């Protein structure tokens, strides 16, 4: 872990040095590409605004991610239990992934409104698919001998899912959840681009309209940090939920 973090830090440092050298060598103006130093200064000067808007966007991302988790697990269980339902629903789930969320965002505003619920719904739509598909595939891969054994001892369908299928699908569930955690901030930002007076998406639009690219880059840095935090949070939950992986 320490080696991974140090390697990542060295890579970031090298990237910033190359970035700074290119700006100095080619004399790129700040309104085209701000220097890393200018971005750091913007992070410091705008820390209060970035904190406020960042917390707002992170709340939308976490709320949408939690709702997507609940819905995805329910749909995964239903698709595993009723194969005909899976045959009917799965193609529609795939189709939803071919439609960019930004293209249907105006419809969300028309049908749901311009409040925070629209941004949360955008997050749900982006996060639902990877969680549902990975969880359903995890349940499908369960050893049938295990299922047969618990049924032999009189376990009901509900007990089979609680004690066998869902625990066996946890690894796949968390794989989808990690992907969804990364998508969650994208869904929140896209929702804020269209209609909002708070959040990092709103902040980016405001900074861009004022040609303050250093603030735009500072906001991007905050988005990256929040996405990494959400991904780390999922890993922490997985660490608690799957203690048998701690030694791996």
C-alpha atoms as a PDB file:
ATOM      1  CA  UNK A   1       0.000   0.000   0.000  1.00  0.00           C
ATOM      2  CA  UNK A   2       2.781   2.442   0.959  1.00  0.00           C
ATOM      3  CA  UNK A   3       4.631   1.660  -2.258  1.00  0.00           C
ATOM      4  CA  UNK A   4       1.475   2.249  -4.278  1.00  0.00           C
ATOM      5  CA  UNK A   5       0.854   5.612  -2.614  1.00  0.00           C
ATOM      6  CA  UNK A   6       4.455   6.744  -3.011  1.00  0.00           C
ATOM      7  CA  UNK A   7       4.463   5.735  -6.690  1.00  0.00           C
ATOM      8  CA  UNK A   8       1.246   7.672  -7.260  1.00  0.00           C
ATOM      9  CA  UNK A   9       2.661  10.736  -5.466  1.00  0.00           C
ATOM     10  CA  UNK A  10       5.854  10.627  -7.553  1.00  0.00           C
ATOM     11  CA  UNK A  11       3.780  10.365 -10.746  1.00  0.00           C
ATOM     12  CA  UNK A  12       1.680  13.381  -9.766  1.00  0.00           C
ATOM     13  CA  UNK A  13       4.814  15.366  -8.922  1.00  0.00           C
ATOM     14  CA  UNK A  14       6.450  14.487 -12.241  1.00  0.00           C
ATOM     15  CA  UNK A  15       3.288  15.449 -14.121  1.00  0.00           C
ATOM     16  CA  UNK A  16       3.157  18.841 -12.386  1.00  0.00           C
ATOM     17  CA  UNK A  17       6.829  19.509 -13.170  1.00  0.00           C
ATOM     18  CA  UNK A  18       6.341  18.655 -16.867  1.00  0.00           C
ATOM     19  CA  UNK A  19       3.177  20.786 -16.880  1.00  0.00           C
ATOM     20  CA  UNK A  20       5.021  23.766 -15.399  1.00  0.00           C
ATOM     21  CA  UNK A  21       7.970  23.390 -17.792  1.00  0.00           C
ATOM     22  CA  UNK A  22       5.670  23.260 -20.831  1.00  0.00           C
ATOM     23  CA  UNK A  23       3.884  26.441 -19.731  1.00  0.00           C
ATOM     24  CA  UNK A  24       7.176  28.263 -19.242  1.00  0.00           C
ATOM     25  CA  UNK A  25       8.746  26.920 -22.460  1.00  0.00           C
ATOM     26  CA  UNK A  26       5.802  27.653 -24.730  1.00  0.00           C
ATOM     27  CA  UNK A  27       4.653  30.750 -22.805  1.00  0.00           C
ATOM     28  CA  UNK A  28       1.079  29.504 -22.532  1.00  0.00           C
ATOM     29  CA  UNK A  29      -1.199  32.231 -21.089  1.00  0.00           C
ATOM     30  CA  UNK A  30      -3.126  31.452 -17.896  1.00  0.00           C
ATOM     31  CA  UNK A  31      -6.493  31.923 -19.587  1.00  0.00           C
ATOM     32  CA  UNK A  32      -5.606  28.972 -21.842  1.00  0.00           C
ATOM     33  CA  UNK A  33      -3.857  26.715 -19.330  1.00  0.00           C
ATOM     34  CA  UNK A  34      -3.071  27.788 -15.755  1.00  0.00           C
ATOM     35  CA  UNK A  35       0.102  26.573 -14.086  1.00  0.00           C
ATOM     36  CA  UNK A  36       0.044  24.044 -11.226  1.00  0.00           C
ATOM     37  CA  UNK A  37       1.103  26.851  -8.905  1.00  0.00           C
ATOM     38  CA  UNK A  38      -1.912  28.944  -9.972  1.00  0.00           C
ATOM     39  CA  UNK A  39      -4.199  25.959  -9.371  1.00  0.00           C
ATOM     40  CA  UNK A  40      -2.789  25.484  -5.864  1.00  0.00           C
ATOM     41  CA  UNK A  41      -3.284  29.194  -5.121  1.00  0.00           C
ATOM     42  CA  UNK A  42      -6.875  28.926  -6.390  1.00  0.00           C
ATOM     43  CA  UNK A  43      -7.450  25.923  -4.126  1.00  0.00           C
ATOM     44  CA  UNK A  44      -6.265  27.960  -1.152  1.00  0.00           C
ATOM     45  CA  UNK A  45      -8.148  31.164  -2.025  1.00  0.00           C
ATOM     46  CA  UNK A  46     -11.381  29.359  -2.924  1.00  0.00           C
ATOM     47  CA  UNK A  47     -11.230  26.739  -0.162  1.00  0.00           C
ATOM     48  CA  UNK A  48     -14.439  27.891   1.541  1.00  0.00           C
ATOM     49  CA  UNK A  49     -16.456  27.951  -1.684  1.00  0.00           C
ATOM     50  CA  UNK A  50     -14.989  24.647  -2.851  1.00  0.00           C
ATOM     51  CA  UNK A  51     -15.731  23.062   0.530  1.00  0.00           C
ATOM     52  CA  UNK A  52     -19.348  24.244   0.473  1.00  0.00           C
ATOM     53  CA  UNK A  53     -20.040  23.173  -3.107  1.00  0.00           C
ATOM     54  CA  UNK A  54     -18.011  19.982  -2.650  1.00  0.00           C
ATOM     55  CA  UNK A  55     -20.071  18.888   0.356  1.00  0.00           C
ATOM     56  CA  UNK A  56     -23.274  19.568  -1.594  1.00  0.00           C
ATOM     57  CA  UNK A  57     -22.133  17.451  -4.558  1.00  0.00           C
ATOM     58  CA  UNK A  58     -20.805  14.692  -2.305  1.00  0.00           C
ATOM     59  CA  UNK A  59     -24.164  14.473  -0.518  1.00  0.00           C
ATOM     60  CA  UNK A  60     -25.908  14.042  -3.884  1.00  0.00           C
ATOM     61  CA  UNK A  61     -23.380  11.386  -4.922  1.00  0.00           C
ATOM     62  CA  UNK A  62     -23.657   9.388  -1.687  1.00  0.00           C
ATOM     63  CA  UNK A  63     -27.465   9.612  -1.559  1.00  0.00           C
ATOM     64  CA  UNK A  64     -27.778   8.485  -5.172  1.00  0.00           C
ATOM     65  CA  UNK A  65     -25.232   5.712  -4.648  1.00  0.00           C
ATOM     66  CA  UNK A  66     -27.099   4.327  -1.628  1.00  0.00           C
ATOM     67  CA  UNK A  67     -30.430   4.363  -3.453  1.00  0.00           C
ATOM     68  CA  UNK A  68     -28.818   2.706  -6.483  1.00  0.00           C
ATOM     69  CA  UNK A  69     -27.360  -0.010  -4.203  1.00  0.00           C
ATOM     70  CA  UNK A  70     -30.734  -0.888  -2.725  1.00  0.00           C
ATOM     71  CA  UNK A  71     -32.527  -0.940  -6.082  1.00  0.00           C
ATOM     72  CA  UNK A  72     -29.700  -2.816  -7.800  1.00  0.00           C
ATOM     73  CA  UNK A  73     -29.592  -5.598  -5.193  1.00  0.00           C
ATOM     74  CA  UNK A  74     -33.393  -6.000  -5.345  1.00  0.00           C
ATOM     75  CA  UNK A  75     -33.333  -6.202  -9.142  1.00  0.00           C
ATOM     76  CA  UNK A  76     -30.350  -8.584  -9.060  1.00  0.00           C
ATOM     77  CA  UNK A  77     -32.199 -10.960  -6.743  1.00  0.00           C
ATOM     78  CA  UNK A  78     -35.326 -10.790  -8.900  1.00  0.00           C
ATOM     79  CA  UNK A  79     -33.331 -11.414 -12.087  1.00  0.00           C
ATOM     80  CA  UNK A  80     -31.598 -14.383 -10.457  1.00  0.00           C
ATOM     81  CA  UNK A  81     -34.836 -15.800  -9.056  1.00  0.00           C
ATOM     82  CA  UNK A  82     -36.916 -15.357 -12.208  1.00  0.00           C
ATOM     83  CA  UNK A  83     -34.931 -16.045 -15.373  1.00  0.00           C
ATOM     84  CA  UNK A  84     -37.788 -14.892 -17.598  1.00  0.00           C
ATOM     85  CA  UNK A  85     -37.693 -11.531 -15.843  1.00  0.00           C
ATOM     86  CA  UNK A  86     -33.966 -11.305 -16.518  1.00  0.00           C
ATOM     87  CA  UNK A  87     -34.508 -12.048 -20.201  1.00  0.00           C
ATOM     88  CA  UNK A  88     -37.070  -9.235 -20.331  1.00  0.00           C
ATOM     89  CA  UNK A  89     -35.237  -6.620 -18.237  1.00  0.00           C
ATOM     90  CA  UNK A  90     -31.569  -7.160 -19.075  1.00  0.00           C
ATOM     91  CA  UNK A  91     -31.774  -5.810 -22.674  1.00  0.00           C
ATOM     92  CA  UNK A  92     -33.397  -2.616 -21.354  1.00  0.00           C
ATOM     93  CA  UNK A  93     -30.608  -2.216 -18.794  1.00  0.00           C
ATOM     94  CA  UNK A  94     -28.048  -2.457 -21.588  1.00  0.00           C
ATOM     95  CA  UNK A  95     -29.975   0.057 -23.702  1.00  0.00           C
ATOM     96  CA  UNK A  96     -29.966   2.571 -20.853  1.00  0.00           C
ATOM     97  CA  UNK A  97     -26.163   2.498 -20.891  1.00  0.00           C
ATOM     98  CA  UNK A  98     -26.051   3.514 -24.560  1.00  0.00           C
ATOM     99  CA  UNK A  99     -27.880   6.769 -23.795  1.00  0.00           C
ATOM    100  CA  UNK A 100     -25.647   9.554 -22.397  1.00  0.00           C
ATOM    101  CA  UNK A 101     -27.109  10.827 -19.135  1.00  0.00           C
ATOM    102  CA  UNK A 102     -26.671  14.424 -20.281  1.00  0.00           C
ATOM    103  CA  UNK A 103     -29.063  13.780 -23.190  1.00  0.00           C
ATOM    104  CA  UNK A 104     -31.917  12.742 -20.888  1.00  0.00           C
ATOM    105  CA  UNK A 105     -31.126  15.229 -18.126  1.00  0.00           C
ATOM    106  CA  UNK A 106     -33.527  17.829 -19.598  1.00  0.00           C
ATOM    107  CA  UNK A 107     -36.290  15.211 -19.366  1.00  0.00           C
ATOM    108  CA  UNK A 108     -35.434  14.637 -15.717  1.00  0.00           C
ATOM    109  CA  UNK A 109     -35.869  18.363 -15.087  1.00  0.00           C
ATOM    110  CA  UNK A 110     -39.265  18.353 -16.837  1.00  0.00           C
ATOM    111  CA  UNK A 111     -40.568  15.290 -14.998  1.00  0.00           C
ATOM    112  CA  UNK A 112     -38.876  15.636 -11.597  1.00  0.00           C
ATOM    113  CA  UNK A 113     -38.117  19.354 -11.276  1.00  0.00           C
ATOM    114  CA  UNK A 114     -34.949  21.358 -10.681  1.00  0.00           C
ATOM    115  CA  UNK A 115     -34.387  20.460  -7.036  1.00  0.00           C
ATOM    116  CA  UNK A 116     -31.775  18.201  -5.507  1.00  0.00           C
ATOM    117  CA  UNK A 117     -33.906  15.152  -6.352  1.00  0.00           C
ATOM    118  CA  UNK A 118     -32.997  15.583 -10.033  1.00  0.00           C
ATOM    119  CA  UNK A 119     -29.272  15.368  -9.314  1.00  0.00           C
ATOM    120  CA  UNK A 120     -29.746  12.354  -7.047  1.00  0.00           C
ATOM    121  CA  UNK A 121     -31.818  10.630  -9.741  1.00  0.00           C
ATOM    122  CA  UNK A 122     -29.040  11.299 -12.280  1.00  0.00           C
ATOM    123  CA  UNK A 123     -26.585   9.608  -9.907  1.00  0.00           C
ATOM    124  CA  UNK A 124     -28.943   6.638  -9.465  1.00  0.00           C
ATOM    125  CA  UNK A 125     -29.245   6.186 -13.223  1.00  0.00           C
ATOM    126  CA  UNK A 126     -25.464   6.187 -13.650  1.00  0.00           C
ATOM    127  CA  UNK A 127     -24.732   3.880 -10.709  1.00  0.00           C
ATOM    128  CA  UNK A 128     -27.533   1.330 -10.989  1.00  0.00           C
ATOM    129  CA  UNK A 129     -26.276  -0.706 -13.967  1.00  0.00           C
ATOM    130  CA  UNK A 130     -22.769  -1.750 -12.806  1.00  0.00           C
ATOM    131  CA  UNK A 131     -24.031  -2.755  -9.359  1.00  0.00           C
ATOM    132  CA  UNK A 132     -27.055  -4.699 -10.641  1.00  0.00           C
ATOM    133  CA  UNK A 133     -25.184  -6.556 -13.381  1.00  0.00           C
ATOM    134  CA  UNK A 134     -22.175  -7.478 -11.241  1.00  0.00           C
ATOM    135  CA  UNK A 135     -24.369  -8.641  -8.352  1.00  0.00           C
ATOM    136  CA  UNK A 136     -26.596 -10.728 -10.635  1.00  0.00           C
ATOM    137  CA  UNK A 137     -23.542 -12.328 -12.266  1.00  0.00           C
ATOM    138  CA  UNK A 138     -22.123 -13.075  -8.809  1.00  0.00           C
ATOM    139  CA  UNK A 139     -25.305 -14.886  -7.824  1.00  0.00           C
ATOM    140  CA  UNK A 140     -25.326 -16.849 -11.072  1.00  0.00           C
ATOM    141  CA  UNK A 141     -21.811 -18.121 -10.368  1.00  0.00           C
ATOM    142  CA  UNK A 142     -22.724 -19.658  -6.987  1.00  0.00           C
ATOM    143  CA  UNK A 143     -21.927 -23.349  -6.710  1.00  0.00           C
ATOM    144  CA  UNK A 144     -25.179 -25.242  -7.190  1.00  0.00           C
ATOM    145  CA  UNK A 145     -24.014 -27.885  -4.716  1.00  0.00           C
ATOM    146  CA  UNK A 146     -24.076 -25.271  -1.964  1.00  0.00           C
ATOM    147  CA  UNK A 147     -27.592 -24.235  -2.935  1.00  0.00           C
ATOM    148  CA  UNK A 148     -28.704 -27.845  -3.057  1.00  0.00           C
ATOM    149  CA  UNK A 149     -27.175 -28.539   0.361  1.00  0.00           C
ATOM    150  CA  UNK A 150     -29.034 -25.745   2.181  1.00  0.00           C
ATOM    151  CA  UNK A 151     -32.271 -26.693   0.423  1.00  0.00           C
ATOM    152  CA  UNK A 152     -31.702 -30.278   1.570  1.00  0.00           C
ATOM    153  CA  UNK A 153     -31.735 -28.975   5.150  1.00  0.00           C
ATOM    154  CA  UNK A 154     -35.073 -27.271   4.480  1.00  0.00           C
ATOM    155  CA  UNK A 155     -33.933 -23.716   3.703  1.00  0.00           C
ATOM    156  CA  UNK A 156     -36.491 -21.495   2.002  1.00  0.00           C
ATOM    157  CA  UNK A 157     -35.692 -19.365  -1.047  1.00  0.00           C
ATOM    158  CA  UNK A 158     -35.297 -16.337   1.227  1.00  0.00           C
ATOM    159  CA  UNK A 159     -32.853 -18.195   3.481  1.00  0.00           C
ATOM    160  CA  UNK A 160     -30.942 -19.462   0.453  1.00  0.00           C
ATOM    161  CA  UNK A 161     -30.311 -15.910  -0.707  1.00  0.00           C
ATOM    162  CA  UNK A 162     -29.484 -14.602   2.778  1.00  0.00           C
ATOM    163  CA  UNK A 163     -27.041 -17.374   3.737  1.00  0.00           C
ATOM    164  CA  UNK A 164     -25.621 -18.529   0.402  1.00  0.00           C
ATOM    165  CA  UNK A 165     -26.203 -16.480  -2.730  1.00  0.00           C
ATOM    166  CA  UNK A 166     -25.873 -12.920  -1.432  1.00  0.00           C
ATOM    167  CA  UNK A 167     -22.720 -13.634   0.643  1.00  0.00           C
ATOM    168  CA  UNK A 168     -21.195 -15.435  -2.343  1.00  0.00           C
ATOM    169  CA  UNK A 169     -21.980 -12.453  -4.589  1.00  0.00           C
ATOM    170  CA  UNK A 170     -20.438  -9.858  -2.235  1.00  0.00           C
ATOM    171  CA  UNK A 171     -17.147  -9.762  -4.142  1.00  0.00           C
ATOM    172  CA  UNK A 172     -18.956  -9.057  -7.421  1.00  0.00           C
ATOM    173  CA  UNK A 173     -21.241  -6.557  -5.684  1.00  0.00           C
ATOM    174  CA  UNK A 174     -18.304  -4.548  -4.377  1.00  0.00           C
ATOM    175  CA  UNK A 175     -16.608  -4.655  -7.776  1.00  0.00           C
ATOM    176  CA  UNK A 176     -19.670  -3.001  -9.280  1.00  0.00           C
ATOM    177  CA  UNK A 177     -19.946  -0.625  -6.327  1.00  0.00           C
ATOM    178  CA  UNK A 178     -16.383   0.621  -6.842  1.00  0.00           C
ATOM    179  CA  UNK A 179     -17.178   1.449 -10.460  1.00  0.00           C
ATOM    180  CA  UNK A 180     -20.450   3.083  -9.429  1.00  0.00           C
ATOM    181  CA  UNK A 181     -18.701   5.172  -6.760  1.00  0.00           C
ATOM    182  CA  UNK A 182     -16.547   6.678  -9.504  1.00  0.00           C
ATOM    183  CA  UNK A 183     -19.603   7.328 -11.676  1.00  0.00           C
ATOM    184  CA  UNK A 184     -21.555   8.930  -8.835  1.00  0.00           C
ATOM    185  CA  UNK A 185     -19.715  12.250  -8.910  1.00  0.00           C
ATOM    186  CA  UNK A 186     -20.110  12.422 -12.699  1.00  0.00           C
ATOM    187  CA  UNK A 187     -23.877  12.036 -12.336  1.00  0.00           C
ATOM    188  CA  UNK A 188     -24.037  14.759  -9.703  1.00  0.00           C
ATOM    189  CA  UNK A 189     -21.919  17.176 -11.775  1.00  0.00           C
ATOM    190  CA  UNK A 190     -23.974  16.617 -14.931  1.00  0.00           C
ATOM    191  CA  UNK A 191     -27.183  17.263 -13.024  1.00  0.00           C
ATOM    192  CA  UNK A 192     -25.743  20.485 -11.600  1.00  0.00           C
ATOM    193  CA  UNK A 193     -24.649  21.700 -15.020  1.00  0.00           C
ATOM    194  CA  UNK A 194     -28.247  21.871 -16.180  1.00  0.00           C
ATOM    195  CA  UNK A 195     -30.059  23.405 -13.227  1.00  0.00           C
ATOM    196  CA  UNK A 196     -28.530  24.245  -9.884  1.00  0.00           C
ATOM    197  CA  UNK A 197     -27.317  27.082  -7.710  1.00  0.00           C
ATOM    198  CA  UNK A 198     -25.024  24.875  -5.617  1.00  0.00           C
ATOM    199  CA  UNK A 199     -22.516  22.111  -6.173  1.00  0.00           C
ATOM    200  CA  UNK A 200     -19.234  21.707  -8.007  1.00  0.00           C
ATOM    201  CA  UNK A 201     -20.964  21.496 -11.384  1.00  0.00           C
ATOM    202  CA  UNK A 202     -22.518  24.916 -10.784  1.00  0.00           C
ATOM    203  CA  UNK A 203     -19.149  26.229  -9.581  1.00  0.00           C
ATOM    204  CA  UNK A 204     -17.394  25.024 -12.761  1.00  0.00           C
ATOM    205  CA  UNK A 205     -19.968  26.758 -14.989  1.00  0.00           C
ATOM    206  CA  UNK A 206     -19.622  29.996 -13.020  1.00  0.00           C
ATOM    207  CA  UNK A 207     -15.808  29.888 -13.104  1.00  0.00           C
ATOM    208  CA  UNK A 208     -15.770  29.009 -16.813  1.00  0.00           C
ATOM    209  CA  UNK A 209     -18.065  31.917 -17.682  1.00  0.00           C
ATOM    210  CA  UNK A 210     -15.691  34.217 -15.815  1.00  0.00           C
ATOM    211  CA  UNK A 211     -12.657  32.770 -17.678  1.00  0.00           C
ATOM    212  CA  UNK A 212     -11.128  31.765 -14.339  1.00  0.00           C
ATOM    213  CA  UNK A 213      -9.539  28.542 -15.539  1.00  0.00           C
ATOM    214  CA  UNK A 214      -7.395  28.266 -12.431  1.00  0.00           C
ATOM    215  CA  UNK A 215     -10.627  27.950 -10.416  1.00  0.00           C
ATOM    216  CA  UNK A 216     -11.969  25.414 -12.931  1.00  0.00           C
ATOM    217  CA  UNK A 217      -8.853  23.254 -12.519  1.00  0.00           C
ATOM    218  CA  UNK A 218      -9.034  23.653  -8.740  1.00  0.00           C
ATOM    219  CA  UNK A 219     -12.629  22.397  -8.851  1.00  0.00           C
ATOM    220  CA  UNK A 220     -11.547  19.422 -10.985  1.00  0.00           C
ATOM    221  CA  UNK A 221      -8.933  18.578  -8.355  1.00  0.00           C
ATOM    222  CA  UNK A 222     -11.658  18.607  -5.678  1.00  0.00           C
ATOM    223  CA  UNK A 223     -13.868  16.342  -7.806  1.00  0.00           C
ATOM    224  CA  UNK A 224     -10.990  13.890  -8.200  1.00  0.00           C
ATOM    225  CA  UNK A 225     -10.304  13.915  -4.464  1.00  0.00           C
ATOM    226  CA  UNK A 226     -13.970  13.279  -3.619  1.00  0.00           C
ATOM    227  CA  UNK A 227     -14.121  10.432  -6.163  1.00  0.00           C
ATOM    228  CA  UNK A 228     -11.024   8.867  -4.620  1.00  0.00           C
ATOM    229  CA  UNK A 229     -12.555   9.290  -1.160  1.00  0.00           C
ATOM    230  CA  UNK A 230     -15.773   7.542  -2.226  1.00  0.00           C
ATOM    231  CA  UNK A 231     -13.768   4.710  -3.768  1.00  0.00           C
ATOM    232  CA  UNK A 232     -11.742   4.374  -0.563  1.00  0.00           C
ATOM    233  CA  UNK A 233     -14.963   4.415   1.452  1.00  0.00           C
ATOM    234  CA  UNK A 234     -16.311   1.499  -0.578  1.00  0.00           C
ATOM    235  CA  UNK A 235     -13.070  -0.410   0.012  1.00  0.00           C
ATOM    236  CA  UNK A 236     -13.369   0.263   3.753  1.00  0.00           C
ATOM    237  CA  UNK A 237     -16.933  -1.086   3.774  1.00  0.00           C
ATOM    238  CA  UNK A 238     -15.762  -4.134   1.836  1.00  0.00           C
ATOM    239  CA  UNK A 239     -12.972  -4.622   4.370  1.00  0.00           C
ATOM    240  CA  UNK A 240     -15.564  -4.736   7.160  1.00  0.00           C
ATOM    241  CA  UNK A 241     -18.131  -6.821   5.259  1.00  0.00           C
ATOM    242  CA  UNK A 242     -15.601  -9.372   3.977  1.00  0.00           C
ATOM    243  CA  UNK A 243     -13.132  -9.891   6.863  1.00  0.00           C
ATOM    244  CA  UNK A 244     -11.835 -13.111   5.324  1.00  0.00           C
ATOM    245  CA  UNK A 245     -10.061 -11.006   2.663  1.00  0.00           C
ATOM    246  CA  UNK A 246      -7.999  -9.073   5.194  1.00  0.00           C
ATOM    247  CA  UNK A 247      -5.115 -11.438   5.000  1.00  0.00           C
ATOM    248  CA  UNK A 248      -4.979 -11.284   1.188  1.00  0.00           C
END
